[in-house]
Amino acid sequence: MIEDILRQSVSILTSLTEAGALIIIFVGVLRGFILFLWHSFKRQGAEYYIPIRLDLGRYLALGLEFQLASDLLRTAVAPSFEEIGKLAAVATIRTALNYFLSREIQDERQEMKMDHA
């Protein structure tokens, strides 16, 4: 009985967390697309696109964190070894994506600072 209530609660929380991830990523993509169009119509140079990429990267990284959190929630209640294995694989992939995305954002920021110095 209590385990069923806990499973239902975790299912709701997981859905909300996944929805949050989708909203964050969608907002970042929409914002990036609008800024891209704005700068394209103004016919500005490539240096104007770097901040757009950085901004989009931050949204993607945050969305990945939310998705990882939903995966953790999903396996919080009596996980099987199969679920734990899937979580480990997904967590590894998402963590690697987030790491490389963060690294690229950091490299772009440093490059922008050097260009403006």
PDB file of N, CA and C in Angstrom:
ATOM      1  N   MET A   1       0.828  -1.201   0.000  1.00  0.00           N
ATOM      2  CA  MET A   1       0.000   0.000   0.000  1.00  0.00           C
ATOM      3  C   MET A   1       0.871   1.263   0.000  1.00  0.00           C
ATOM      4  N   ILE A   2       1.747   1.385   0.972  1.00  0.00           N
ATOM      5  CA  ILE A   2       2.615   2.564   1.053  1.00  0.00           C
ATOM      6  C   ILE A   2       3.565   2.595  -0.146  1.00  0.00           C
ATOM      7  N   GLU A   3       4.031   1.415  -0.549  1.00  0.00           N
ATOM      8  CA  GLU A   3       4.941   1.361  -1.700  1.00  0.00           C
ATOM      9  C   GLU A   3       4.229   1.802  -2.975  1.00  0.00           C
ATOM     10  N   ASP A   4       2.953   1.469  -3.112  1.00  0.00           N
ATOM     11  CA  ASP A   4       2.181   1.902  -4.280  1.00  0.00           C
ATOM     12  C   ASP A   4       2.027   3.420  -4.305  1.00  0.00           C
ATOM     13  N   ILE A   5       1.744   4.003  -3.147  1.00  0.00           N
ATOM     14  CA  ILE A   5       1.616   5.461  -3.051  1.00  0.00           C
ATOM     15  C   ILE A   5       2.955   6.114  -3.391  1.00  0.00           C
ATOM     16  N   LEU A   6       4.028   5.522  -2.876  1.00  0.00           N
ATOM     17  CA  LEU A   6       5.368   6.057  -3.151  1.00  0.00           C
ATOM     18  C   LEU A   6       5.685   5.960  -4.641  1.00  0.00           C
ATOM     19  N   ARG A   7       5.353   4.839  -5.270  1.00  0.00           N
ATOM     20  CA  ARG A   7       5.590   4.668  -6.711  1.00  0.00           C
ATOM     21  C   ARG A   7       4.798   5.705  -7.514  1.00  0.00           C
ATOM     22  N   GLN A   8       3.544   5.928  -7.135  1.00  0.00           N
ATOM     23  CA  GLN A   8       2.720   6.916  -7.837  1.00  0.00           C
ATOM     24  C   GLN A   8       3.286   8.323  -7.660  1.00  0.00           C
ATOM     25  N   SER A   9       3.722   8.621  -6.449  1.00  0.00           N
ATOM     26  CA  SER A   9       4.309   9.941  -6.179  1.00  0.00           C
ATOM     27  C   SER A   9       5.575  10.149  -6.996  1.00  0.00           C
ATOM     28  N   VAL A  10       6.429   9.133  -7.031  1.00  0.00           N
ATOM     29  CA  VAL A  10       7.672   9.220  -7.802  1.00  0.00           C
ATOM     30  C   VAL A  10       7.357   9.343  -9.291  1.00  0.00           C
ATOM     31  N   SER A  11       6.336   8.629  -9.751  1.00  0.00           N
ATOM     32  CA  SER A  11       5.941   8.720 -11.159  1.00  0.00           C
ATOM     33  C   SER A  11       5.509  10.140 -11.517  1.00  0.00           C
ATOM     34  N   ILE A  12       4.732  10.767 -10.643  1.00  0.00           N
ATOM     35  CA  ILE A  12       4.302  12.150 -10.879  1.00  0.00           C
ATOM     36  C   ILE A  12       5.502  13.097 -10.867  1.00  0.00           C
ATOM     37  N   LEU A  13       6.369  12.936  -9.872  1.00  0.00           N
ATOM     38  CA  LEU A  13       7.557  13.794  -9.784  1.00  0.00           C
ATOM     39  C   LEU A  13       8.468  13.608 -10.997  1.00  0.00           C
ATOM     40  N   THR A  14       8.598  12.368 -11.450  1.00  0.00           N
ATOM     41  CA  THR A  14       9.414  12.091 -12.632  1.00  0.00           C
ATOM     42  C   THR A  14       8.836  12.791 -13.859  1.00  0.00           C
ATOM     43  N   SER A  15       7.523  12.698 -14.017  1.00  0.00           N
ATOM     44  CA  SER A  15       6.878  13.363 -15.163  1.00  0.00           C
ATOM     45  C   SER A  15       7.061  14.870 -15.109  1.00  0.00           C
ATOM     46  N   LEU A  16       6.927  15.441 -13.914  1.00  0.00           N
ATOM     47  CA  LEU A  16       7.111  16.889 -13.761  1.00  0.00           C
ATOM     48  C   LEU A  16       8.549  17.293 -14.068  1.00  0.00           C
ATOM     49  N   THR A  17       9.498  16.496 -13.612  1.00  0.00           N
ATOM     50  CA  THR A  17      10.909  16.802 -13.860  1.00  0.00           C
ATOM     51  C   THR A  17      11.234  16.692 -15.347  1.00  0.00           C
ATOM     52  N   GLU A  18      10.704  15.660 -16.003  1.00  0.00           N
ATOM     53  CA  GLU A  18      10.917  15.527 -17.446  1.00  0.00           C
ATOM     54  C   GLU A  18      10.263  16.676 -18.207  1.00  0.00           C
ATOM     55  N   ALA A  19       9.077  17.082 -17.769  1.00  0.00           N
ATOM     56  CA  ALA A  19       8.413  18.225 -18.402  1.00  0.00           C
ATOM     57  C   ALA A  19       9.248  19.493 -18.215  1.00  0.00           C
ATOM     58  N   GLY A  20       9.816  19.643 -17.019  1.00  0.00           N
ATOM     59  CA  GLY A  20      10.695  20.791 -16.768  1.00  0.00           C
ATOM     60  C   GLY A  20      11.884  20.794 -17.712  1.00  0.00           C
ATOM     61  N   ALA A  21      12.480  19.617 -17.918  1.00  0.00           N
ATOM     62  CA  ALA A  21      13.619  19.511 -18.837  1.00  0.00           C
ATOM     63  C   ALA A  21      13.208  19.902 -20.250  1.00  0.00           C
ATOM     64  N   LEU A  22      12.053  19.415 -20.682  1.00  0.00           N
ATOM     65  CA  LEU A  22      11.576  19.743 -22.022  1.00  0.00           C
ATOM     66  C   LEU A  22      11.318  21.239 -22.178  1.00  0.00           C
ATOM     67  N   ILE A  23      10.729  21.839 -21.165  1.00  0.00           N
ATOM     68  CA  ILE A  23      10.438  23.276 -21.220  1.00  0.00           C
ATOM     69  C   ILE A  23      11.728  24.078 -21.266  1.00  0.00           C
ATOM     70  N   ILE A  24      12.687  23.712 -20.425  1.00  0.00           N
ATOM     71  CA  ILE A  24      13.971  24.429 -20.398  1.00  0.00           C
ATOM     72  C   ILE A  24      14.660  24.344 -21.760  1.00  0.00           C
ATOM     73  N   ILE A  25      14.728  23.150 -22.312  1.00  0.00           N
ATOM     74  CA  ILE A  25      15.390  22.973 -23.611  1.00  0.00           C
ATOM     75  C   ILE A  25      14.621  23.713 -24.701  1.00  0.00           C
ATOM     76  N   PHE A  26      13.297  23.614 -24.685  1.00  0.00           N
ATOM     77  CA  PHE A  26      12.489  24.304 -25.697  1.00  0.00           C
ATOM     78  C   PHE A  26      12.680  25.817 -25.626  1.00  0.00           C
ATOM     79  N   VAL A  27      12.665  26.373 -24.411  1.00  0.00           N
ATOM     80  CA  VAL A  27      12.851  27.819 -24.251  1.00  0.00           C
ATOM     81  C   VAL A  27      14.230  28.225 -24.777  1.00  0.00           C
ATOM     82  N   GLY A  28      15.259  27.433 -24.467  1.00  0.00           N
ATOM     83  CA  GLY A  28      16.597  27.741 -24.952  1.00  0.00           C
ATOM     84  C   GLY A  28      16.694  27.693 -26.463  1.00  0.00           C
ATOM     85  N   VAL A  29      16.070  26.671 -27.053  1.00  0.00           N
ATOM     86  CA  VAL A  29      16.092  26.547 -28.520  1.00  0.00           C
ATOM     87  C   VAL A  29      15.316  27.695 -29.159  1.00  0.00           C
ATOM     88  N   LEU A  30      14.153  28.003 -28.624  1.00  0.00           N
ATOM     89  CA  LEU A  30      13.342  29.092 -29.161  1.00  0.00           C
ATOM     90  C   LEU A  30      14.076  30.423 -29.051  1.00  0.00           C
ATOM     91  N   ARG A  31      14.654  30.673 -27.899  1.00  0.00           N
ATOM     92  CA  ARG A  31      15.420  31.911 -27.691  1.00  0.00           C
ATOM     93  C   ARG A  31      16.603  31.986 -28.657  1.00  0.00           C
ATOM     94  N   GLY A  32      17.332  30.877 -28.788  1.00  0.00           N
ATOM     95  CA  GLY A  32      18.472  30.839 -29.692  1.00  0.00           C
ATOM     96  C   GLY A  32      18.062  31.055 -31.140  1.00  0.00           C
ATOM     97  N   PHE A  33      16.943  30.459 -31.522  1.00  0.00           N
ATOM     98  CA  PHE A  33      16.468  30.604 -32.898  1.00  0.00           C
ATOM     99  C   PHE A  33      16.058  32.047 -33.184  1.00  0.00           C
ATOM    100  N   ILE A  34      15.357  32.660 -32.241  1.00  0.00           N
ATOM    101  CA  ILE A  34      14.933  34.051 -32.426  1.00  0.00           C
ATOM    102  C   ILE A  34      16.144  34.977 -32.518  1.00  0.00           C
ATOM    103  N   LEU A  35      17.111  34.788 -31.625  1.00  0.00           N
ATOM    104  CA  LEU A  35      18.326  35.615 -31.673  1.00  0.00           C
ATOM    105  C   LEU A  35      19.110  35.371 -32.959  1.00  0.00           C
ATOM    106  N   PHE A  36      19.159  34.113 -33.387  1.00  0.00           N
ATOM    107  CA  PHE A  36      19.836  33.786 -34.644  1.00  0.00           C
ATOM    108  C   PHE A  36      19.182  34.528 -35.814  1.00  0.00           C
ATOM    109  N   LEU A  37      17.858  34.469 -35.878  1.00  0.00           N
ATOM    110  CA  LEU A  37      17.153  35.167 -36.953  1.00  0.00           C
ATOM    111  C   LEU A  37      17.393  36.671 -36.890  1.00  0.00           C
ATOM    112  N   TRP A  38      17.333  37.233 -35.689  1.00  0.00           N
ATOM    113  CA  TRP A  38      17.538  38.677 -35.498  1.00  0.00           C
ATOM    114  C   TRP A  38      18.897  39.106 -36.032  1.00  0.00           C
ATOM    115  N   HIS A  39      19.943  38.373 -35.633  1.00  0.00           N
ATOM    116  CA  HIS A  39      21.289  38.740 -36.082  1.00  0.00           C
ATOM    117  C   HIS A  39      21.500  38.432 -37.564  1.00  0.00           C
ATOM    118  N   SER A  40      20.808  37.419 -38.067  1.00  0.00           N
ATOM    119  CA  SER A  40      20.921  37.101 -39.496  1.00  0.00           C
ATOM    120  C   SER A  40      20.318  38.205 -40.349  1.00  0.00           C
ATOM    121  N   PHE A  41      19.161  38.719 -39.933  1.00  0.00           N
ATOM    122  CA  PHE A  41      18.526  39.789 -40.696  1.00  0.00           C
ATOM    123  C   PHE A  41      19.313  41.095 -40.606  1.00  0.00           C
ATOM    124  N   LYS A  42      20.012  41.288 -39.512  1.00  0.00           N
ATOM    125  CA  LYS A  42      20.849  42.481 -39.373  1.00  0.00           C
ATOM    126  C   LYS A  42      22.180  42.294 -40.097  1.00  0.00           C
ATOM    127  N   ARG A  43      22.397  41.075 -40.603  1.00  0.00           N
ATOM    128  CA  ARG A  43      23.609  40.717 -41.354  1.00  0.00           C
ATOM    129  C   ARG A  43      24.881  41.041 -40.559  1.00  0.00           C
ATOM    130  N   GLN A  44      24.870  40.580 -39.331  1.00  0.00           N
ATOM    131  CA  GLN A  44      26.046  40.784 -38.493  1.00  0.00           C
ATOM    132  C   GLN A  44      27.004  39.614 -38.658  1.00  0.00           C
ATOM    133  N   GLY A  45      28.239  39.825 -38.254  1.00  0.00           N
ATOM    134  CA  GLY A  45      29.281  38.826 -38.424  1.00  0.00           C
ATOM    135  C   GLY A  45      29.133  37.625 -37.505  1.00  0.00           C
ATOM    136  N   ALA A  46      30.007  36.659 -37.739  1.00  0.00           N
ATOM    137  CA  ALA A  46      29.967  35.394 -37.010  1.00  0.00           C
ATOM    138  C   ALA A  46      30.190  35.580 -35.508  1.00  0.00           C
ATOM    139  N   GLU A  47      30.890  36.643 -35.111  1.00  0.00           N
ATOM    140  CA  GLU A  47      31.157  36.846 -33.682  1.00  0.00           C
ATOM    141  C   GLU A  47      29.881  37.077 -32.880  1.00  0.00           C
ATOM    142  N   TYR A  48      28.805  37.450 -33.540  1.00  0.00           N
ATOM    143  CA  TYR A  48      27.532  37.663 -32.843  1.00  0.00           C
ATOM    144  C   TYR A  48      26.818  36.348 -32.540  1.00  0.00           C
ATOM    145  N   TYR A  49      27.247  35.273 -33.177  1.00  0.00           N
ATOM    146  CA  TYR A  49      26.608  33.982 -32.966  1.00  0.00           C
ATOM    147  C   TYR A  49      27.195  33.223 -31.779  1.00  0.00           C
ATOM    148  N   ILE A  50      28.400  33.565 -31.367  1.00  0.00           N
ATOM    149  CA  ILE A  50      29.034  32.876 -30.244  1.00  0.00           C
ATOM    150  C   ILE A  50      28.226  33.041 -28.959  1.00  0.00           C
ATOM    151  N   PRO A  51      27.786  34.250 -28.594  1.00  0.00           N
ATOM    152  CA  PRO A  51      26.963  34.360 -27.382  1.00  0.00           C
ATOM    153  C   PRO A  51      25.648  33.572 -27.482  1.00  0.00           C
ATOM    154  N   ILE A  52      25.108  33.453 -28.684  1.00  0.00           N
ATOM    155  CA  ILE A  52      23.883  32.672 -28.867  1.00  0.00           C
ATOM    156  C   ILE A  52      24.172  31.201 -28.582  1.00  0.00           C
ATOM    157  N   ARG A  53      25.278  30.703 -29.087  1.00  0.00           N
ATOM    158  CA  ARG A  53      25.667  29.313 -28.826  1.00  0.00           C
ATOM    159  C   ARG A  53      25.908  29.076 -27.341  1.00  0.00           C
ATOM    160  N   LEU A  54      26.558  30.029 -26.682  1.00  0.00           N
ATOM    161  CA  LEU A  54      26.809  29.886 -25.252  1.00  0.00           C
ATOM    162  C   LEU A  54      25.509  29.847 -24.463  1.00  0.00           C
ATOM    163  N   ASP A  55      24.601  30.720 -24.821  1.00  0.00           N
ATOM    164  CA  ASP A  55      23.305  30.767 -24.150  1.00  0.00           C
ATOM    165  C   ASP A  55      22.542  29.462 -24.361  1.00  0.00           C
ATOM    166  N   LEU A  56      22.506  28.983 -25.584  1.00  0.00           N
ATOM    167  CA  LEU A  56      21.831  27.719 -25.889  1.00  0.00           C
ATOM    168  C   LEU A  56      22.496  26.570 -25.136  1.00  0.00           C
ATOM    169  N   GLY A  57      23.805  26.584 -25.078  1.00  0.00           N
ATOM    170  CA  GLY A  57      24.543  25.545 -24.352  1.00  0.00           C
ATOM    171  C   GLY A  57      24.170  25.495 -22.886  1.00  0.00           C
ATOM    172  N   ARG A  58      23.971  26.661 -22.277  1.00  0.00           N
ATOM    173  CA  ARG A  58      23.565  26.696 -20.865  1.00  0.00           C
ATOM    174  C   ARG A  58      22.181  26.080 -20.683  1.00  0.00           C
ATOM    175  N   TYR A  59      21.272  26.386 -21.579  1.00  0.00           N
ATOM    176  CA  TYR A  59      19.935  25.799 -21.505  1.00  0.00           C
ATOM    177  C   TYR A  59      19.997  24.276 -21.681  1.00  0.00           C
ATOM    178  N   LEU A  60      20.793  23.829 -22.645  1.00  0.00           N
ATOM    179  CA  LEU A  60      20.916  22.394 -22.875  1.00  0.00           C
ATOM    180  C   LEU A  60      21.522  21.683 -21.669  1.00  0.00           C
ATOM    181  N   ALA A  61      22.561  22.282 -21.070  1.00  0.00           N
ATOM    182  CA  ALA A  61      23.189  21.680 -19.902  1.00  0.00           C
ATOM    183  C   ALA A  61      22.193  21.581 -18.748  1.00  0.00           C
ATOM    184  N   LEU A  62      21.415  22.631 -18.527  1.00  0.00           N
ATOM    185  CA  LEU A  62      20.419  22.599 -17.455  1.00  0.00           C
ATOM    186  C   LEU A  62      19.334  21.567 -17.753  1.00  0.00           C
ATOM    187  N   GLY A  63      18.901  21.484 -18.993  1.00  0.00           N
ATOM    188  CA  GLY A  63      17.912  20.478 -19.375  1.00  0.00           C
ATOM    189  C   GLY A  63      18.422  19.061 -19.156  1.00  0.00           C
ATOM    190  N   LEU A  64      19.702  18.828 -19.485  1.00  0.00           N
ATOM    191  CA  LEU A  64      20.297  17.513 -19.244  1.00  0.00           C
ATOM    192  C   LEU A  64      20.331  17.182 -17.759  1.00  0.00           C
ATOM    193  N   GLU A  65      20.600  18.168 -16.924  1.00  0.00           N
ATOM    194  CA  GLU A  65      20.602  17.947 -15.470  1.00  0.00           C
ATOM    195  C   GLU A  65      19.216  17.534 -14.983  1.00  0.00           C
ATOM    196  N   PHE A  66      18.187  18.186 -15.508  1.00  0.00           N
ATOM    197  CA  PHE A  66      16.815  17.829 -15.133  1.00  0.00           C
ATOM    198  C   PHE A  66      16.477  16.414 -15.602  1.00  0.00           C
ATOM    199  N   GLN A  67      16.918  16.048 -16.801  1.00  0.00           N
ATOM    200  CA  GLN A  67      16.646  14.700 -17.291  1.00  0.00           C
ATOM    201  C   GLN A  67      17.359  13.649 -16.455  1.00  0.00           C
ATOM    202  N   LEU A  68      18.569  13.940 -16.045  1.00  0.00           N
ATOM    203  CA  LEU A  68      19.294  13.025 -15.175  1.00  0.00           C
ATOM    204  C   LEU A  68      18.569  12.886 -13.838  1.00  0.00           C
ATOM    205  N   ALA A  69      18.061  13.994 -13.325  1.00  0.00           N
ATOM    206  CA  ALA A  69      17.309  13.946 -12.065  1.00  0.00           C
ATOM    207  C   ALA A  69      16.061  13.077 -12.214  1.00  0.00           C
ATOM    208  N   SER A  70      15.382  13.168 -13.337  1.00  0.00           N
ATOM    209  CA  SER A  70      14.190  12.334 -13.540  1.00  0.00           C
ATOM    210  C   SER A  70      14.574  10.854 -13.621  1.00  0.00           C
ATOM    211  N   ASP A  71      15.721  10.557 -14.217  1.00  0.00           N
ATOM    212  CA  ASP A  71      16.186   9.164 -14.253  1.00  0.00           C
ATOM    213  C   ASP A  71      16.476   8.641 -12.848  1.00  0.00           C
ATOM    214  N   LEU A  72      17.077   9.481 -12.021  1.00  0.00           N
ATOM    215  CA  LEU A  72      17.359   9.087 -10.640  1.00  0.00           C
ATOM    216  C   LEU A  72      16.068   8.856  -9.858  1.00  0.00           C
ATOM    217  N   LEU A  73      15.103   9.733 -10.050  1.00  0.00           N
ATOM    218  CA  LEU A  73      13.813   9.557  -9.384  1.00  0.00           C
ATOM    219  C   LEU A  73      13.140   8.257  -9.808  1.00  0.00           C
ATOM    220  N   ARG A  74      13.217   7.948 -11.079  1.00  0.00           N
ATOM    221  CA  ARG A  74      12.558   6.757 -11.620  1.00  0.00           C
ATOM    222  C   ARG A  74      13.066   5.487 -10.952  1.00  0.00           C
ATOM    223  N   THR A  75      14.330   5.452 -10.587  1.00  0.00           N
ATOM    224  CA  THR A  75      14.899   4.251  -9.984  1.00  0.00           C
ATOM    225  C   THR A  75      14.963   4.338  -8.464  1.00  0.00           C
ATOM    226  N   ALA A  76      14.312   5.338  -7.877  1.00  0.00           N
ATOM    227  CA  ALA A  76      14.386   5.543  -6.426  1.00  0.00           C
ATOM    228  C   ALA A  76      13.605   4.494  -5.636  1.00  0.00           C
ATOM    229  N   VAL A  77      12.552   3.938  -6.220  1.00  0.00           N
ATOM    230  CA  VAL A  77      11.706   3.002  -5.489  1.00  0.00           C
ATOM    231  C   VAL A  77      11.979   1.575  -5.964  1.00  0.00           C
ATOM    232  N   ALA A  78      12.612   0.791  -5.118  1.00  0.00           N
ATOM    233  CA  ALA A  78      12.869  -0.636  -5.353  1.00  0.00           C
ATOM    234  C   ALA A  78      13.322  -0.932  -6.788  1.00  0.00           C
ATOM    235  N   PRO A  79      14.468  -0.406  -7.181  1.00  0.00           N
ATOM    236  CA  PRO A  79      14.921  -0.637  -8.563  1.00  0.00           C
ATOM    237  C   PRO A  79      15.414  -2.075  -8.759  1.00  0.00           C
ATOM    238  N   SER A  80      15.244  -2.577  -9.961  1.00  0.00           N
ATOM    239  CA  SER A  80      15.800  -3.885 -10.311  1.00  0.00           C
ATOM    240  C   SER A  80      17.223  -3.666 -10.828  1.00  0.00           C
ATOM    241  N   PHE A  81      17.961  -4.761 -10.966  1.00  0.00           N
ATOM    242  CA  PHE A  81      19.318  -4.633 -11.489  1.00  0.00           C
ATOM    243  C   PHE A  81      19.298  -4.124 -12.932  1.00  0.00           C
ATOM    244  N   GLU A  82      18.268  -4.498 -13.681  1.00  0.00           N
ATOM    245  CA  GLU A  82      18.144  -4.018 -15.057  1.00  0.00           C
ATOM    246  C   GLU A  82      17.945  -2.503 -15.078  1.00  0.00           C
ATOM    247  N   GLU A  83      17.090  -1.986 -14.187  1.00  0.00           N
ATOM    248  CA  GLU A  83      16.858  -0.537 -14.110  1.00  0.00           C
ATOM    249  C   GLU A  83      18.119   0.193 -13.680  1.00  0.00           C
ATOM    250  N   ILE A  84      18.843  -0.389 -12.738  1.00  0.00           N
ATOM    251  CA  ILE A  84      20.094   0.230 -12.277  1.00  0.00           C
ATOM    252  C   ILE A  84      21.113   0.270 -13.417  1.00  0.00           C
ATOM    253  N   GLY A  85      21.190  -0.796 -14.197  1.00  0.00           N
ATOM    254  CA  GLY A  85      22.097  -0.831 -15.348  1.00  0.00           C
ATOM    255  C   GLY A  85      21.739   0.214 -16.385  1.00  0.00           C
ATOM    256  N   LYS A  86      20.440   0.340 -16.662  1.00  0.00           N
ATOM    257  CA  LYS A  86      19.990   1.353 -17.616  1.00  0.00           C
ATOM    258  C   LYS A  86      20.301   2.756 -17.096  1.00  0.00           C
ATOM    259  N   LEU A  87      20.057   2.979 -15.808  1.00  0.00           N
ATOM    260  CA  LEU A  87      20.353   4.281 -15.207  1.00  0.00           C
ATOM    261  C   LEU A  87      21.842   4.595 -15.322  1.00  0.00           C
ATOM    262  N   ALA A  88      22.668   3.603 -15.046  1.00  0.00           N
ATOM    263  CA  ALA A  88      24.118   3.823 -15.125  1.00  0.00           C
ATOM    264  C   ALA A  88      24.529   4.210 -16.546  1.00  0.00           C
ATOM    265  N   ALA A  89      23.967   3.524 -17.530  1.00  0.00           N
ATOM    266  CA  ALA A  89      24.309   3.832 -18.925  1.00  0.00           C
ATOM    267  C   ALA A  89      23.826   5.226 -19.307  1.00  0.00           C
ATOM    268  N   VAL A  90      22.570   5.525 -18.991  1.00  0.00           N
ATOM    269  CA  VAL A  90      22.004   6.836 -19.339  1.00  0.00           C
ATOM    270  C   VAL A  90      22.723   7.943 -18.582  1.00  0.00           C
ATOM    271  N   ALA A  91      22.981   7.733 -17.294  1.00  0.00           N
ATOM    272  CA  ALA A  91      23.665   8.742 -16.486  1.00  0.00           C
ATOM    273  C   ALA A  91      25.066   9.008 -17.031  1.00  0.00           C
ATOM    274  N   THR A  92      25.745   7.957 -17.449  1.00  0.00           N
ATOM    275  CA  THR A  92      27.089   8.121 -18.011  1.00  0.00           C
ATOM    276  C   THR A  92      27.043   8.942 -19.291  1.00  0.00           C
ATOM    277  N   ILE A  93      26.108   8.616 -20.166  1.00  0.00           N
ATOM    278  CA  ILE A  93      25.988   9.345 -21.431  1.00  0.00           C
ATOM    279  C   ILE A  93      25.630  10.805 -21.179  1.00  0.00           C
ATOM    280  N   ARG A  94      24.640  11.048 -20.325  1.00  0.00           N
ATOM    281  CA  ARG A  94      24.206  12.427 -20.063  1.00  0.00           C
ATOM    282  C   ARG A  94      25.282  13.221 -19.340  1.00  0.00           C
ATOM    283  N   THR A  95      25.981  12.578 -18.426  1.00  0.00           N
ATOM    284  CA  THR A  95      27.061  13.264 -17.717  1.00  0.00           C
ATOM    285  C   THR A  95      28.193  13.618 -18.689  1.00  0.00           C
ATOM    286  N   ALA A  96      28.518  12.698 -19.592  1.00  0.00           N
ATOM    287  CA  ALA A  96      29.562  12.973 -20.588  1.00  0.00           C
ATOM    288  C   ALA A  96      29.125  14.110 -21.507  1.00  0.00           C
ATOM    289  N   LEU A  97      27.879  14.080 -21.969  1.00  0.00           N
ATOM    290  CA  LEU A  97      27.372  15.173 -22.810  1.00  0.00           C
ATOM    291  C   LEU A  97      27.463  16.504 -22.075  1.00  0.00           C
ATOM    292  N   ASN A  98      27.041  16.502 -20.827  1.00  0.00           N
ATOM    293  CA  ASN A  98      27.069  17.726 -20.038  1.00  0.00           C
ATOM    294  C   ASN A  98      28.500  18.208 -19.823  1.00  0.00           C
ATOM    295  N   TYR A  99      29.419  17.286 -19.569  1.00  0.00           N
ATOM    296  CA  TYR A  99      30.815  17.651 -19.361  1.00  0.00           C
ATOM    297  C   TYR A  99      31.391  18.319 -20.611  1.00  0.00           C
ATOM    298  N   PHE A 100      31.209  17.679 -21.760  1.00  0.00           N
ATOM    299  CA  PHE A 100      31.772  18.237 -22.988  1.00  0.00           C
ATOM    300  C   PHE A 100      31.082  19.532 -23.395  1.00  0.00           C
ATOM    301  N   LEU A 101      29.791  19.629 -23.133  1.00  0.00           N
ATOM    302  CA  LEU A 101      29.068  20.866 -23.408  1.00  0.00           C
ATOM    303  C   LEU A 101      29.592  21.992 -22.520  1.00  0.00           C
ATOM    304  N   SER A 102      29.778  21.715 -21.253  1.00  0.00           N
ATOM    305  CA  SER A 102      30.309  22.723 -20.326  1.00  0.00           C
ATOM    306  C   SER A 102      31.720  23.140 -20.719  1.00  0.00           C
ATOM    307  N   ARG A 103      32.500  22.162 -21.149  1.00  0.00           N
ATOM    308  CA  ARG A 103      33.864  22.468 -21.573  1.00  0.00           C
ATOM    309  C   ARG A 103      33.875  23.353 -22.814  1.00  0.00           C
ATOM    310  N   GLU A 104      32.983  23.062 -23.741  1.00  0.00           N
ATOM    311  CA  GLU A 104      32.902  23.881 -24.949  1.00  0.00           C
ATOM    312  C   GLU A 104      32.450  25.301 -24.612  1.00  0.00           C
ATOM    313  N   ILE A 105      31.501  25.425 -23.689  1.00  0.00           N
ATOM    314  CA  ILE A 105      31.044  26.751 -23.254  1.00  0.00           C
ATOM    315  C   ILE A 105      32.206  27.523 -22.638  1.00  0.00           C
ATOM    316  N   GLN A 106      32.970  26.858 -21.792  1.00  0.00           N
ATOM    317  CA  GLN A 106      34.114  27.504 -21.142  1.00  0.00           C
ATOM    318  C   GLN A 106      35.154  27.925 -22.185  1.00  0.00           C
ATOM    319  N   ASP A 107      35.441  27.070 -23.150  1.00  0.00           N
ATOM    320  CA  ASP A 107      36.405  27.413 -24.207  1.00  0.00           C
ATOM    321  C   ASP A 107      35.928  28.611 -25.020  1.00  0.00           C
ATOM    322  N   GLU A 108      34.631  28.630 -25.340  1.00  0.00           N
ATOM    323  CA  GLU A 108      34.073  29.750 -26.109  1.00  0.00           C
ATOM    324  C   GLU A 108      34.177  31.053 -25.319  1.00  0.00           C
ATOM    325  N   ARG A 109      33.906  30.987 -24.024  1.00  0.00           N
ATOM    326  CA  ARG A 109      34.011  32.194 -23.185  1.00  0.00           C
ATOM    327  C   ARG A 109      35.435  32.722 -23.177  1.00  0.00           C
ATOM    328  N   GLN A 110      36.406  31.828 -23.017  1.00  0.00           N
ATOM    329  CA  GLN A 110      37.796  32.252 -23.013  1.00  0.00           C
ATOM    330  C   GLN A 110      38.192  32.856 -24.352  1.00  0.00           C
ATOM    331  N   GLU A 111      37.708  32.254 -25.429  1.00  0.00           N
ATOM    332  CA  GLU A 111      38.007  32.776 -26.758  1.00  0.00           C
ATOM    333  C   GLU A 111      37.401  34.164 -26.939  1.00  0.00           C
ATOM    334  N   MET A 112      36.187  34.366 -26.419  1.00  0.00           N
ATOM    335  CA  MET A 112      35.556  35.684 -26.514  1.00  0.00           C
ATOM    336  C   MET A 112      36.343  36.720 -25.712  1.00  0.00           C
ATOM    337  N   LYS A 113      36.823  36.335 -24.537  1.00  0.00           N
ATOM    338  CA  LYS A 113      37.602  37.271 -23.718  1.00  0.00           C
ATOM    339  C   LYS A 113      38.887  37.655 -24.427  1.00  0.00           C
ATOM    340  N   MET A 114      39.531  36.676 -25.075  1.00  0.00           N
ATOM    341  CA  MET A 114      40.786  36.949 -25.777  1.00  0.00           C
ATOM    342  C   MET A 114      40.540  37.842 -26.979  1.00  0.00           C
ATOM    343  N   ASP A 115      39.400  37.658 -27.651  1.00  0.00           N
ATOM    344  CA  ASP A 115      39.068  38.491 -28.810  1.00  0.00           C
ATOM    345  C   ASP A 115      38.783  39.932 -28.411  1.00  0.00           C
ATOM    346  N   HIS A 116      38.226  40.118 -27.227  1.00  0.00           N
ATOM    347  CA  HIS A 116      37.873  41.464 -26.767  1.00  0.00           C
ATOM    348  C   HIS A 116      39.015  42.150 -26.023  1.00  0.00           C
ATOM    349  N   ALA A 117      40.063  41.400 -25.703  1.00  0.00           N
ATOM    350  CA  ALA A 117      41.178  41.978 -24.955  1.00  0.00           C
ATOM    351  C   ALA A 117      42.127  42.753 -25.846  1.00  0.00           C
TER     352      ALA A 117
END
